[in-house]
Amino acid sequence: QVQLVESGGGLVQAGGSLRLSCAGSGTNFRFDVMGWYRQAPGKQRELVATITRDSMTNYAGSVKGRFTISRDNAKNTVYLQMNSLQPEDTAVYYCHGRLAILRVTDYWGQGTQVTVSS
């Protein structure tokens, strides 16, 4: 059973930093794409950043220059370094992984809360 488990969320003051981690398990295949999404109260889930197996990255405009996504393919793990955090970054952050073997399958973590106080 493929699983994604996030860690690293918490409470931080505006201007501070946090690092999220997401470890994949239950498969010997590397995720083709891994990424982070977030959902704030009353809002739809939105893309934060994605990274391919070849380390090509994509960022939402609101986090570009502040957040950095990276991955360790050997561990099937993805990271999100978040700097200069602002109150509007407060949300539940979800890890995503996509496997494309015989078919495309998307997996999601359970989410980790990030709260930025002003």
Protein backbone atom coordinates (compact mmCIF):
# COMPACT_ATOMS: atom_id res chain seq x y z
CA GLN A 1 0.00 0.00 0.00
CA VAL A 2 1.50 3.29 -1.13
CA GLN A 3 1.56 5.98 1.53
CA LEU A 4 2.81 9.53 1.86
CA VAL A 5 3.54 10.82 5.35
CA GLU A 6 4.21 14.51 6.02
CA SER A 7 6.07 16.05 8.92
CA GLY A 8 7.46 19.43 9.91
CA GLY A 9 4.42 21.66 10.23
CA GLY A 10 3.83 23.94 13.18
CA LEU A 11 3.43 27.48 14.43
CA VAL A 12 5.88 30.18 13.43
CA GLN A 13 5.98 33.97 13.54
CA ALA A 14 5.83 36.04 10.38
CA GLY A 15 9.23 36.17 8.73
CA GLY A 16 10.20 32.79 10.12
CA SER A 17 10.99 29.50 8.39
CA LEU A 18 9.75 25.93 8.39
CA ARG A 19 10.81 22.81 6.52
CA LEU A 20 8.25 20.21 5.52
CA SER A 21 9.14 16.63 4.67
CA CYS A 22 7.09 13.93 2.97
CA ALA A 23 8.23 10.34 2.83
CA GLY A 24 6.75 7.87 0.37
CA SER A 25 6.55 4.17 1.14
CA GLY A 26 4.98 0.99 -0.18
CA THR A 27 6.50 1.15 -3.67
CA ASN A 28 9.84 0.37 -5.28
CA PHE A 29 9.12 2.90 -8.04
CA ARG A 30 10.09 6.55 -7.91
CA PHE A 31 7.23 8.99 -8.01
CA ASP A 32 7.19 10.68 -11.40
CA VAL A 33 6.09 13.94 -9.84
CA MET A 34 5.98 14.98 -6.21
CA GLY A 35 4.66 18.20 -4.85
CA TRP A 36 2.99 20.26 -2.21
CA TYR A 37 -0.50 21.75 -2.17
CA ARG A 38 -2.22 23.77 0.51
CA GLN A 39 -5.73 24.55 1.61
CA ALA A 40 -6.65 27.49 3.79
CA PRO A 41 -9.98 27.63 5.66
CA GLY A 42 -12.82 28.42 3.29
CA LYS A 43 -10.60 28.18 0.22
CA GLN A 44 -9.90 25.58 -2.43
CA ARG A 45 -6.77 23.47 -2.40
CA GLU A 46 -4.04 25.16 -4.43
CA LEU A 47 -0.69 24.17 -5.87
CA VAL A 48 2.38 25.35 -3.99
CA ALA A 49 5.24 23.63 -5.81
CA THR A 50 6.02 20.49 -7.79
CA ILE A 51 9.20 18.66 -8.76
CA THR A 52 9.74 15.91 -11.32
CA ARG A 53 12.06 12.92 -11.09
CA ASP A 54 14.56 14.97 -13.10
CA SER A 55 14.26 17.83 -10.58
CA MET A 56 12.38 20.21 -12.81
CA THR A 57 10.45 22.52 -10.52
CA ASN A 58 7.32 24.64 -10.72
CA TYR A 59 6.13 27.19 -8.16
CA ALA A 60 3.01 29.17 -7.49
CA GLY A 61 3.65 32.85 -8.03
CA SER A 62 2.83 33.66 -4.41
CA VAL A 63 5.69 31.53 -3.05
CA LYS A 64 8.32 31.96 -5.75
CA GLY A 65 11.55 33.21 -4.25
CA ARG A 66 10.50 32.26 -0.70
CA PHE A 67 9.89 28.50 -0.91
CA THR A 68 12.20 25.83 -2.30
CA ILE A 69 11.14 22.31 -3.22
CA SER A 70 13.63 19.45 -3.42
CA ARG A 71 13.58 15.69 -3.41
CA ASP A 72 15.68 12.66 -2.57
CA ASN A 73 14.83 10.02 -5.17
CA ALA A 74 16.62 7.27 -3.28
CA LYS A 75 14.30 7.85 -0.33
CA ASN A 76 11.20 8.79 -2.37
CA THR A 77 11.04 11.88 -0.20
CA VAL A 78 10.16 15.46 -1.04
CA TYR A 79 10.95 18.57 0.99
CA LEU A 80 9.61 22.10 1.11
CA GLN A 81 11.81 24.79 2.64
CA MET A 82 9.62 27.77 3.48
CA ASN A 83 11.29 31.09 4.28
CA SER A 84 9.89 34.55 4.93
CA LEU A 85 6.58 33.04 5.96
CA GLN A 86 3.56 35.32 6.06
CA PRO A 87 0.15 34.94 7.72
CA GLU A 88 -1.39 34.26 4.32
CA ASP A 89 0.72 31.10 4.12
CA THR A 90 -1.35 29.63 6.94
CA ALA A 91 -2.98 26.44 5.67
CA VAL A 92 -2.97 22.68 5.78
CA TYR A 93 -0.18 21.53 3.50
CA TYR A 94 -0.65 18.29 1.59
CA CYS A 95 2.01 16.16 -0.06
CA HIS A 96 1.23 14.71 -3.47
CA GLY A 97 2.89 11.95 -5.43
CA ARG A 98 2.09 10.60 -8.88
CA LEU A 99 3.05 7.17 -10.13
CA ALA A 100 2.74 6.35 -13.83
CA ILE A 101 3.44 2.66 -14.26
CA LEU A 102 0.67 0.85 -16.11
CA ARG A 103 -1.65 3.74 -15.31
CA VAL A 104 -1.45 7.11 -13.60
CA THR A 105 -2.25 7.06 -9.89
CA ASP A 106 -2.22 10.04 -7.55
CA TYR A 107 -1.49 9.73 -3.86
CA TRP A 108 -1.99 12.25 -1.07
CA GLY A 109 -0.65 12.62 2.42
CA GLN A 110 -2.87 13.31 5.41
CA GLY A 111 -1.83 16.96 5.63
CA THR A 112 0.20 19.00 8.09
CA GLN A 113 -0.88 22.31 9.61
CA VAL A 114 1.25 25.40 9.09
CA THR A 115 0.23 28.47 11.07
CA VAL A 116 1.99 31.81 10.70
CA SER A 117 1.23 34.42 13.33
CA SER A 118 1.54 38.14 12.67
